Amino acid sequence: MSFQYVPALPVKRGDVQGFVDVAADLAARMAPLWTVPVINLRTGEAVSVRERVKHLQKAAKQLRQASSSGHSWIDTRHVEEDPKMVGDALWGEFGLFTTAAPVTGPERPPAQQALAQELADACGNGLGLRLDLAGMPVAEAAERVRELAKRSTVAVEAMDLLLDLGAIDNAAKAAEYGAHAVAELGRLRPWRSVVLLAGAFPASLQQLVRDQVTRLPRHEIPVWRAVRENAGLDERLVYGDYSVVHPGKPAQTTTGPVTILGRVLHSAPQDFLVVKGRNMAVYGTAQMPALASRITSAPAFRGRGFGEGERYLADCVAGQESPGLPERWIRAGHTQHLTQTVEQVAR
């Protein structure tokens, strides 16, 4: 495997397009872990079979935009009530993706594990084993992974071990636990790759002050570097993060009215830079150039020539492009973060 960075991204339009907007030479050094999100419900409503199929087909259509970029994985962890439907409506809707590998895990239902094996055999792109660590005893995690790998029909040399620390706020604690987990799990088998995933972007911006740049620490990179130094895998441990979203985003369900705020996101080497605005339903997109100017005038801003994400912010501030809806700003935030990060972790 030649990839250097694994961004874990939801299969939502703005998030997918944010990856597509990354320069091709940089995108080729990434292997996205796509997670199909839950279906949003209105209060008291159940999801019909038709809606489930439509949701999966929509995800397949979005993923086709990014399917030619190189290796990737597709995780359907939040929509696995009917594995056969996932196989037909997602993987079968547009034919098998040429570069994507299915994902399973020790905690997944047997029917989903069987489907992942079947898809891995059919695609020939290998299999991703994703383990949500979340402080799980390392010995227990190792036993679960060992048993699943033993039952698999996929050669271990075609399996990727995706170790997920989830949301982190204590870097020292995460690094200590991560080093132990990677050392034990990484040596179980001759894995094709071992990826350490973590996310430090907050679940809520409620406590942030409006109209100013707030710096939030990017714990993921120092944690990965510490784990790599102490777990004995060196350059074989691949870096992964959740870009500018919280790890729980794909599992969020909207059941009522939601207040959507204007916000501009930018990733510096050590921090997320966030500017929080006001209710989009009241203040609309007219507030966005002023918010973006807080970022473009900050010392950490690298200029419109750095990448598509920076260009969009600079052009909106200059009045050369009309500011879009929140999805468009999430898209720019992803593009900028991915461009920044793939260069950062390659050093």
Foldseek 3Di string as FASTA:
>chain_A
DQAFEEAEEELDQLRLLLLLQAPLVLLLNYAYEYEYFADAAAPPDDDDPVNLLVSQLSSQVSCVSVLVSAAYEYEDPRSVPPLVSNCCRHCVVVHHRQHYAYEDELPDDPVNLVSSLVSCVVNVQAYEYEDAPCPPPLVVRQVSVLVSQVPHPTDQLNYEYEYEPFEDDDLVVLLVVLLVNCLRNVPSDVHVAYEYEYEHADQDPVPPDALAKDWAWGSQVVSQVSSLVRNPCNSRYHYYYNQNHHRCVSHDHDHDDDFDWDKAWADAPTTIIIHTGHGCVPPNQVCVLSSLVNVCPDPRLPALPLGVLRVVSVCCVVVNDRGDDRSNRSSSSSNNRSSVPSVVSVD
